[in-house]
Amino acid sequence: MFERMKKSSHVAAPLDTRVDHPGHIVDPQAVAAARATICSEDELTLTADTFQILANPTRLQIVRALARRELCVGDLAAVVDASPSAVSHHLRQLRQMRLVRHRRDGKLTFYALDDDHVARLFELGLEHVKEELE
């Protein structure tokens, strides 16, 4: 699954291929400290892919609904005002990125957020937007 997620158009140049511009550096210690926090290419790619999957209003509504409680496809469709097939499609994408998980109960499949990080990510984004709208 991660191999599929790693294939992305987001490509960061490795640190050793970046060109230093010593004439433009004001604070070499700050640059060194910031460089020490640089993420790996895999981390950046998967993070970018996560934001890309979340960059859809319907998927965000699904995440918001699942942050409150576990729901089945039919109930989610009613909440986000979309067809069950559209919701299933969105859930498949969210599941592939490990943002939601599912469990079967007889003929029904219930979905929930994979962990609290997903809900917090949404809430932080919403908080930022609400500040901008005030």
N, C-alpha and C. Protein backbone atom coordinates (compact mmCIF):
# COMPACT_ATOMS: atom_id res chain seq x y z
N MET A 1 0.82 -1.18 0.00
CA MET A 1 0.00 0.00 0.00
C MET A 1 0.87 1.26 0.00
N PHE A 2 1.93 1.30 0.82
CA PHE A 2 2.78 2.48 0.86
C PHE A 2 3.47 2.72 -0.47
N GLU A 3 3.79 1.66 -1.22
CA GLU A 3 4.42 1.84 -2.52
C GLU A 3 3.52 2.66 -3.43
N ARG A 4 2.20 2.38 -3.41
CA ARG A 4 1.28 3.13 -4.23
C ARG A 4 1.20 4.57 -3.75
N MET A 5 1.22 4.75 -2.44
CA MET A 5 1.12 6.10 -1.89
C MET A 5 2.39 6.89 -2.17
N LYS A 6 3.54 6.21 -2.27
CA LYS A 6 4.79 6.91 -2.50
C LYS A 6 4.88 7.47 -3.92
N LYS A 7 4.17 6.84 -4.87
CA LYS A 7 4.20 7.30 -6.25
C LYS A 7 3.40 8.58 -6.33
N SER A 8 4.07 9.69 -6.46
CA SER A 8 3.41 10.97 -6.44
C SER A 8 4.17 11.94 -7.32
N SER A 9 3.50 13.00 -7.69
CA SER A 9 4.16 14.01 -8.50
C SER A 9 4.99 14.96 -7.63
N HIS A 10 4.87 14.83 -6.31
CA HIS A 10 5.61 15.69 -5.40
C HIS A 10 7.01 15.12 -5.22
N VAL A 11 8.02 15.85 -5.71
CA VAL A 11 9.39 15.37 -5.58
C VAL A 11 10.23 16.49 -4.99
N ALA A 12 10.81 16.22 -3.85
CA ALA A 12 11.69 17.19 -3.21
C ALA A 12 13.13 16.80 -3.53
N ALA A 13 13.94 17.79 -3.84
CA ALA A 13 15.34 17.51 -4.13
C ALA A 13 16.05 17.11 -2.85
N PRO A 14 16.88 16.05 -2.89
CA PRO A 14 17.63 15.68 -1.70
C PRO A 14 18.53 16.84 -1.27
N LEU A 15 18.82 16.91 0.02
CA LEU A 15 19.61 18.01 0.54
C LEU A 15 20.97 18.13 -0.15
N ASP A 16 21.60 17.00 -0.47
CA ASP A 16 22.95 17.08 -1.03
C ASP A 16 22.98 17.60 -2.46
N THR A 17 21.83 17.75 -3.12
CA THR A 17 21.81 18.30 -4.48
C THR A 17 21.38 19.76 -4.50
N ARG A 18 21.02 20.30 -3.36
CA ARG A 18 20.62 21.70 -3.31
C ARG A 18 21.86 22.59 -3.34
N VAL A 19 21.69 23.71 -3.96
CA VAL A 19 22.81 24.64 -4.08
C VAL A 19 22.76 25.61 -2.91
N ASP A 20 23.88 25.72 -2.22
CA ASP A 20 23.98 26.70 -1.15
C ASP A 20 24.25 28.07 -1.75
N HIS A 21 23.72 29.09 -1.12
CA HIS A 21 23.93 30.46 -1.55
C HIS A 21 24.52 31.24 -0.38
N PRO A 22 25.84 31.03 -0.12
CA PRO A 22 26.44 31.64 1.08
C PRO A 22 26.33 33.16 1.10
N GLY A 23 26.30 33.82 -0.05
CA GLY A 23 26.19 35.28 -0.08
C GLY A 23 24.84 35.78 0.37
N HIS A 24 23.85 34.91 0.40
CA HIS A 24 22.49 35.30 0.77
C HIS A 24 22.13 34.90 2.19
N ILE A 25 22.97 34.13 2.84
CA ILE A 25 22.66 33.66 4.19
C ILE A 25 22.96 34.76 5.19
N VAL A 26 21.96 35.11 5.99
CA VAL A 26 22.09 36.14 7.00
C VAL A 26 22.50 35.52 8.33
N ASP A 27 21.91 34.38 8.66
CA ASP A 27 22.14 33.74 9.96
C ASP A 27 22.46 32.26 9.74
N PRO A 28 23.75 31.92 9.59
CA PRO A 28 24.13 30.52 9.32
C PRO A 28 23.64 29.55 10.39
N GLN A 29 23.60 29.98 11.65
CA GLN A 29 23.12 29.09 12.72
C GLN A 29 21.64 28.79 12.56
N ALA A 30 20.86 29.79 12.17
CA ALA A 30 19.42 29.59 11.96
C ALA A 30 19.20 28.65 10.77
N VAL A 31 20.02 28.81 9.73
CA VAL A 31 19.91 27.94 8.56
C VAL A 31 20.24 26.50 8.95
N ALA A 32 21.32 26.32 9.71
CA ALA A 32 21.72 24.98 10.15
C ALA A 32 20.63 24.35 11.02
N ALA A 33 20.05 25.14 11.92
CA ALA A 33 18.99 24.62 12.80
C ALA A 33 17.76 24.24 11.99
N ALA A 34 17.39 25.06 11.02
CA ALA A 34 16.23 24.76 10.19
C ALA A 34 16.49 23.54 9.32
N ARG A 35 17.70 23.42 8.77
CA ARG A 35 18.03 22.25 7.95
C ARG A 35 17.99 20.96 8.76
N ALA A 36 18.29 21.05 10.04
CA ALA A 36 18.26 19.86 10.90
C ALA A 36 16.84 19.33 11.07
N THR A 37 15.84 20.15 10.78
CA THR A 37 14.44 19.74 10.94
C THR A 37 13.80 19.31 9.62
N ILE A 38 14.54 19.34 8.54
CA ILE A 38 14.00 18.97 7.23
C ILE A 38 13.51 17.52 7.25
N CYS A 39 12.35 17.30 6.66
CA CYS A 39 11.75 15.97 6.61
C CYS A 39 12.33 15.15 5.46
N SER A 40 12.16 13.85 5.56
CA SER A 40 12.60 12.98 4.47
C SER A 40 11.66 13.14 3.27
N GLU A 41 12.12 12.73 2.11
CA GLU A 41 11.28 12.81 0.91
C GLU A 41 10.01 11.97 1.08
N ASP A 42 10.13 10.79 1.67
CA ASP A 42 8.95 9.94 1.89
C ASP A 42 7.94 10.63 2.82
N GLU A 43 8.43 11.24 3.89
CA GLU A 43 7.54 11.94 4.81
C GLU A 43 6.81 13.08 4.12
N LEU A 44 7.55 13.86 3.33
CA LEU A 44 6.94 14.99 2.62
C LEU A 44 5.94 14.52 1.58
N THR A 45 6.28 13.47 0.86
CA THR A 45 5.39 12.96 -0.18
C THR A 45 4.09 12.45 0.42
N LEU A 46 4.18 11.66 1.49
CA LEU A 46 2.97 11.13 2.11
C LEU A 46 2.14 12.22 2.76
N THR A 47 2.78 13.23 3.31
CA THR A 47 2.05 14.36 3.90
C THR A 47 1.33 15.13 2.80
N ALA A 48 2.01 15.39 1.70
CA ALA A 48 1.39 16.09 0.56
C ALA A 48 0.22 15.28 0.02
N ASP A 49 0.39 13.97 -0.09
CA ASP A 49 -0.70 13.10 -0.57
C ASP A 49 -1.89 13.14 0.38
N THR A 50 -1.63 13.20 1.68
CA THR A 50 -2.70 13.28 2.67
C THR A 50 -3.50 14.57 2.49
N PHE A 51 -2.79 15.68 2.34
CA PHE A 51 -3.48 16.96 2.14
C PHE A 51 -4.24 16.96 0.81
N GLN A 52 -3.68 16.32 -0.20
CA GLN A 52 -4.35 16.26 -1.49
C GLN A 52 -5.67 15.48 -1.37
N ILE A 53 -5.66 14.37 -0.66
CA ILE A 53 -6.89 13.60 -0.47
C ILE A 53 -7.92 14.41 0.32
N LEU A 54 -7.46 15.18 1.28
CA LEU A 54 -8.37 15.98 2.09
C LEU A 54 -8.83 17.25 1.38
N ALA A 55 -8.28 17.54 0.22
CA ALA A 55 -8.61 18.77 -0.51
C ALA A 55 -9.89 18.60 -1.33
N ASN A 56 -10.93 18.09 -0.69
CA ASN A 56 -12.21 17.87 -1.34
C ASN A 56 -13.29 18.11 -0.30
N PRO A 57 -14.24 19.01 -0.58
CA PRO A 57 -15.26 19.34 0.43
C PRO A 57 -16.07 18.13 0.91
N THR A 58 -16.42 17.21 0.02
CA THR A 58 -17.20 16.05 0.45
C THR A 58 -16.39 15.17 1.39
N ARG A 59 -15.11 14.94 1.04
CA ARG A 59 -14.27 14.12 1.92
C ARG A 59 -14.08 14.81 3.27
N LEU A 60 -13.97 16.13 3.27
CA LEU A 60 -13.85 16.85 4.55
C LEU A 60 -15.13 16.72 5.37
N GLN A 61 -16.29 16.75 4.71
CA GLN A 61 -17.54 16.56 5.45
C GLN A 61 -17.61 15.15 6.04
N ILE A 62 -17.13 14.17 5.29
CA ILE A 62 -17.08 12.79 5.78
C ILE A 62 -16.18 12.71 7.01
N VAL A 63 -15.01 13.33 6.93
CA VAL A 63 -14.08 13.34 8.07
C VAL A 63 -14.74 14.01 9.27
N ARG A 64 -15.40 15.12 9.03
CA ARG A 64 -16.08 15.85 10.12
C ARG A 64 -17.14 14.96 10.78
N ALA A 65 -17.94 14.29 9.96
CA ALA A 65 -18.99 13.41 10.51
C ALA A 65 -18.38 12.25 11.28
N LEU A 66 -17.32 11.66 10.75
CA LEU A 66 -16.70 10.51 11.41
C LEU A 66 -15.90 10.92 12.65
N ALA A 67 -15.60 12.20 12.78
CA ALA A 67 -14.92 12.67 13.99
C ALA A 67 -15.86 12.59 15.18
N ARG A 68 -17.15 12.60 14.91
CA ARG A 68 -18.16 12.57 15.97
C ARG A 68 -18.54 11.14 16.36
N ARG A 69 -18.63 10.25 15.33
CA ARG A 69 -19.07 8.88 15.61
C ARG A 69 -18.85 8.01 14.39
N GLU A 70 -18.87 6.72 14.62
CA GLU A 70 -18.79 5.71 13.57
C GLU A 70 -20.12 5.70 12.80
N LEU A 71 -20.04 5.63 11.46
CA LEU A 71 -21.25 5.63 10.64
C LEU A 71 -21.12 4.65 9.48
N CYS A 72 -22.27 4.16 8.99
CA CYS A 72 -22.26 3.30 7.80
C CYS A 72 -22.40 4.19 6.56
N VAL A 73 -22.20 3.61 5.39
CA VAL A 73 -22.21 4.36 4.14
C VAL A 73 -23.54 5.08 3.93
N GLY A 74 -24.65 4.38 4.16
CA GLY A 74 -25.96 5.00 3.95
C GLY A 74 -26.18 6.21 4.85
N ASP A 75 -25.77 6.09 6.11
CA ASP A 75 -25.91 7.22 7.03
C ASP A 75 -24.98 8.37 6.64
N LEU A 76 -23.77 8.03 6.24
CA LEU A 76 -22.84 9.07 5.78
C LEU A 76 -23.38 9.78 4.55
N ALA A 77 -23.98 9.03 3.63
CA ALA A 77 -24.55 9.62 2.42
C ALA A 77 -25.63 10.63 2.79
N ALA A 78 -26.46 10.29 3.77
CA ALA A 78 -27.50 11.22 4.22
C ALA A 78 -26.89 12.46 4.87
N VAL A 79 -25.84 12.27 5.65
CA VAL A 79 -25.20 13.40 6.34
C VAL A 79 -24.58 14.37 5.34
N VAL A 80 -23.86 13.87 4.35
CA VAL A 80 -23.13 14.74 3.42
C VAL A 80 -23.92 15.04 2.15
N ASP A 81 -25.17 14.55 2.09
CA ASP A 81 -26.06 14.79 0.96
C ASP A 81 -25.41 14.37 -0.37
N ALA A 82 -24.99 13.12 -0.41
CA ALA A 82 -24.39 12.55 -1.61
C ALA A 82 -24.91 11.13 -1.77
N SER A 83 -24.71 10.56 -2.94
CA SER A 83 -25.17 9.19 -3.17
C SER A 83 -24.27 8.21 -2.42
N PRO A 84 -24.82 7.07 -2.04
CA PRO A 84 -23.99 6.06 -1.38
C PRO A 84 -22.79 5.63 -2.22
N SER A 85 -22.94 5.57 -3.55
CA SER A 85 -21.80 5.18 -4.38
C SER A 85 -20.71 6.25 -4.36
N ALA A 86 -21.09 7.52 -4.35
CA ALA A 86 -20.10 8.60 -4.26
C ALA A 86 -19.38 8.55 -2.92
N VAL A 87 -20.14 8.33 -1.86
CA VAL A 87 -19.55 8.25 -0.52
C VAL A 87 -18.60 7.05 -0.44
N SER A 88 -19.00 5.93 -1.01
CA SER A 88 -18.13 4.74 -1.02
C SER A 88 -16.82 5.04 -1.74
N HIS A 89 -16.92 5.76 -2.85
CA HIS A 89 -15.71 6.14 -3.60
C HIS A 89 -14.78 6.99 -2.73
N HIS A 90 -15.35 7.98 -2.05
CA HIS A 90 -14.54 8.84 -1.18
C HIS A 90 -13.95 8.04 -0.02
N LEU A 91 -14.74 7.15 0.54
CA LEU A 91 -14.25 6.33 1.66
C LEU A 91 -13.11 5.42 1.22
N ARG A 92 -13.18 4.89 0.01
CA ARG A 92 -12.10 4.05 -0.50
C ARG A 92 -10.79 4.86 -0.57
N GLN A 93 -10.88 6.10 -1.04
CA GLN A 93 -9.68 6.94 -1.11
C GLN A 93 -9.16 7.28 0.28
N LEU A 94 -10.05 7.57 1.19
CA LEU A 94 -9.64 7.88 2.57
C LEU A 94 -9.03 6.65 3.24
N ARG A 95 -9.58 5.49 2.94
CA ARG A 95 -9.05 4.24 3.51
C ARG A 95 -7.68 3.92 2.94
N GLN A 96 -7.47 4.15 1.65
CA GLN A 96 -6.17 3.90 1.03
C GLN A 96 -5.07 4.75 1.67
N MET A 97 -5.43 5.93 2.11
CA MET A 97 -4.46 6.81 2.78
C MET A 97 -4.42 6.57 4.29
N ARG A 98 -5.14 5.56 4.75
CA ARG A 98 -5.21 5.19 6.15
C ARG A 98 -5.73 6.32 7.03
N LEU A 99 -6.69 7.07 6.50
CA LEU A 99 -7.33 8.13 7.26
C LEU A 99 -8.61 7.63 7.93
N VAL A 100 -9.23 6.61 7.34
CA VAL A 100 -10.40 5.97 7.95
C VAL A 100 -10.17 4.47 7.99
N ARG A 101 -10.90 3.82 8.88
CA ARG A 101 -10.88 2.36 8.97
C ARG A 101 -12.32 1.87 8.93
N HIS A 102 -12.49 0.59 8.71
CA HIS A 102 -13.84 0.06 8.64
C HIS A 102 -13.94 -1.24 9.43
N ARG A 103 -15.18 -1.57 9.77
CA ARG A 103 -15.47 -2.85 10.41
C ARG A 103 -16.82 -3.31 9.89
N ARG A 104 -16.95 -4.61 9.77
CA ARG A 104 -18.20 -5.21 9.29
C ARG A 104 -19.06 -5.65 10.48
N ASP A 105 -20.35 -5.44 10.32
CA ASP A 105 -21.32 -5.93 11.29
C ASP A 105 -22.47 -6.51 10.48
N GLY A 106 -22.42 -7.81 10.23
CA GLY A 106 -23.39 -8.45 9.36
C GLY A 106 -23.20 -7.96 7.93
N LYS A 107 -24.25 -7.41 7.35
CA LYS A 107 -24.17 -6.91 5.97
C LYS A 107 -23.71 -5.46 5.90
N LEU A 108 -23.64 -4.80 7.04
CA LEU A 108 -23.26 -3.38 7.06
C LEU A 108 -21.78 -3.22 7.33
N THR A 109 -21.22 -2.16 6.75
CA THR A 109 -19.84 -1.77 7.02
C THR A 109 -19.87 -0.40 7.67
N PHE A 110 -19.23 -0.30 8.80
CA PHE A 110 -19.16 0.96 9.54
C PHE A 110 -17.77 1.55 9.40
N TYR A 111 -17.73 2.87 9.29
CA TYR A 111 -16.46 3.59 9.11
C TYR A 111 -16.21 4.50 10.30
N ALA A 112 -14.94 4.67 10.61
CA ALA A 112 -14.51 5.58 11.67
C ALA A 112 -13.17 6.17 11.26
N LEU A 113 -12.79 7.27 11.88
CA LEU A 113 -11.46 7.82 11.62
C LEU A 113 -10.42 6.85 12.14
N ASP A 114 -9.31 6.77 11.44
CA ASP A 114 -8.26 5.83 11.82
C ASP A 114 -7.69 6.16 13.19
N ASP A 115 -7.52 7.44 13.47
CA ASP A 115 -7.04 7.85 14.79
C ASP A 115 -7.37 9.32 15.03
N ASP A 116 -7.04 9.79 16.20
CA ASP A 116 -7.36 11.15 16.61
C ASP A 116 -6.60 12.20 15.80
N HIS A 117 -5.47 11.82 15.20
CA HIS A 117 -4.69 12.78 14.41
C HIS A 117 -5.51 13.33 13.25
N VAL A 118 -6.32 12.51 12.63
CA VAL A 118 -7.11 12.93 11.48
C VAL A 118 -8.12 14.00 11.91
N ALA A 119 -8.79 13.77 13.02
CA ALA A 119 -9.75 14.75 13.53
C ALA A 119 -9.04 16.05 13.91
N ARG A 120 -7.89 15.94 14.54
CA ARG A 120 -7.15 17.14 14.95
C ARG A 120 -6.68 17.92 13.74
N LEU A 121 -6.25 17.22 12.69
CA LEU A 121 -5.82 17.88 11.46
C LEU A 121 -6.97 18.70 10.88
N PHE A 122 -8.14 18.09 10.82
CA PHE A 122 -9.32 18.81 10.32
C PHE A 122 -9.65 20.01 11.20
N GLU A 123 -9.68 19.80 12.51
CA GLU A 123 -10.04 20.87 13.43
C GLU A 123 -9.06 22.05 13.36
N LEU A 124 -7.78 21.76 13.22
CA LEU A 124 -6.79 22.84 13.10
C LEU A 124 -7.00 23.63 11.82
N GLY A 125 -7.28 22.92 10.73
CA GLY A 125 -7.55 23.61 9.46
C GLY A 125 -8.79 24.47 9.56
N LEU A 126 -9.84 23.94 10.18
CA LEU A 126 -11.08 24.69 10.33
C LEU A 126 -10.87 25.90 11.24
N GLU A 127 -10.12 25.72 12.30
CA GLU A 127 -9.82 26.84 13.20
C GLU A 127 -9.09 27.96 12.45
N HIS A 128 -8.14 27.58 11.63
CA HIS A 128 -7.38 28.57 10.83
C HIS A 128 -8.32 29.32 9.89
N VAL A 129 -9.20 28.61 9.22
CA VAL A 129 -10.14 29.24 8.28
C VAL A 129 -11.09 30.16 9.02
N LYS A 130 -11.60 29.74 10.16
CA LYS A 130 -12.54 30.58 10.91
C LYS A 130 -11.88 31.88 11.36
N GLU A 131 -10.60 31.83 11.72
CA GLU A 131 -9.87 33.06 12.07
C GLU A 131 -9.79 33.99 10.88
N GLU A 132 -9.58 33.43 9.71
CA GLU A 132 -9.48 34.24 8.48
C GLU A 132 -10.83 34.88 8.12
N LEU A 133 -11.91 34.18 8.45
CA LEU A 133 -13.25 34.68 8.10
C LEU A 133 -13.78 35.72 9.06
N GLU A 134 -13.14 35.85 10.23
CA GLU A 134 -13.62 36.83 11.23
C GLU A 134 -13.24 38.24 10.85
